[in-house]
Amino acid sequence: MKMFLFVKSSYSTLEEDCVEVARNLPRTVALRDSKRPRGPVVTVTPAAWTAFTADLRRQP
């Protein structure tokens, strides 16, 4: 079983409505909802994560 080490987003609020990201395994970035730590985990490639976050930074 993969052991992801999740980190909360620096944009999280006190209500914990944020995304947690794990980048500790090679070739995998894992994402989950901080309100559901035992819920589903979405995995993407590091390249896909980089493209996604770069696009978010370009948004007005």
Protein backbone atom coordinates (compact mmCIF):
# COMPACT_ATOMS: atom_id res chain seq x y z
CA MET A 1 0.00 0.00 0.00
CA LYS A 2 1.28 3.46 -0.87
CA MET A 3 1.97 5.73 2.08
CA PHE A 4 1.20 9.29 1.13
CA LEU A 5 2.38 12.07 3.43
CA PHE A 6 -0.27 14.74 2.97
CA VAL A 7 0.32 18.44 3.60
CA LYS A 8 -2.46 20.99 3.97
CA SER A 9 -2.66 23.83 1.53
CA SER A 10 -1.30 27.13 2.80
CA TYR A 11 -4.63 28.60 1.63
CA SER A 12 -6.69 26.47 4.03
CA THR A 13 -9.12 28.13 6.41
CA LEU A 14 -9.93 27.40 10.03
CA GLU A 15 -12.92 25.37 8.84
CA GLU A 16 -10.47 23.02 7.08
CA ASP A 17 -12.08 23.38 3.67
CA CYS A 18 -9.04 22.74 1.56
CA VAL A 19 -7.13 20.24 -0.49
CA GLU A 20 -4.25 18.23 0.90
CA VAL A 21 -1.37 17.29 -1.38
CA ALA A 22 1.21 14.52 -1.08
CA ARG A 23 4.36 14.66 -3.19
CA ASN A 24 6.53 12.19 -1.30
CA LEU A 25 6.39 9.34 -3.83
CA PRO A 26 8.18 9.42 -7.17
CA ARG A 27 6.06 9.98 -10.28
CA THR A 28 2.90 10.59 -8.21
CA VAL A 29 1.07 13.57 -6.74
CA ALA A 30 -1.86 12.59 -4.53
CA LEU A 31 -4.79 14.86 -3.62
CA ARG A 32 -7.58 14.52 -1.07
CA ASP A 33 -10.23 16.60 0.69
CA SER A 34 -9.04 17.64 4.15
CA LYS A 35 -12.55 17.09 5.54
CA ARG A 36 -12.43 13.43 4.42
CA PRO A 37 -8.97 12.11 5.29
CA ARG A 38 -10.19 8.51 4.89
CA GLY A 39 -12.06 9.34 1.68
CA PRO A 40 -10.95 8.92 -1.91
CA VAL A 41 -7.51 9.96 -3.11
CA VAL A 42 -6.91 11.28 -6.62
CA THR A 43 -3.47 10.72 -8.13
CA VAL A 44 -1.91 12.58 -11.04
CA THR A 45 1.53 12.80 -12.57
CA PRO A 46 3.85 15.57 -11.41
CA ALA A 47 3.66 17.06 -14.92
CA ALA A 48 -0.14 17.21 -14.77
CA TRP A 49 -0.02 18.80 -11.29
CA THR A 50 2.51 21.40 -12.46
CA ALA A 51 0.36 22.28 -15.48
CA PHE A 52 -2.77 22.50 -13.33
CA THR A 53 -1.23 24.78 -10.70
CA ALA A 54 0.44 26.94 -13.37
CA ASP A 55 -2.96 27.45 -14.99
CA LEU A 56 -4.47 28.44 -11.63
CA ARG A 57 -1.75 31.07 -11.14
CA ARG A 58 -2.59 32.57 -14.55
CA GLN A 59 -6.25 33.09 -13.61
CA PRO A 60 -7.31 36.68 -12.77
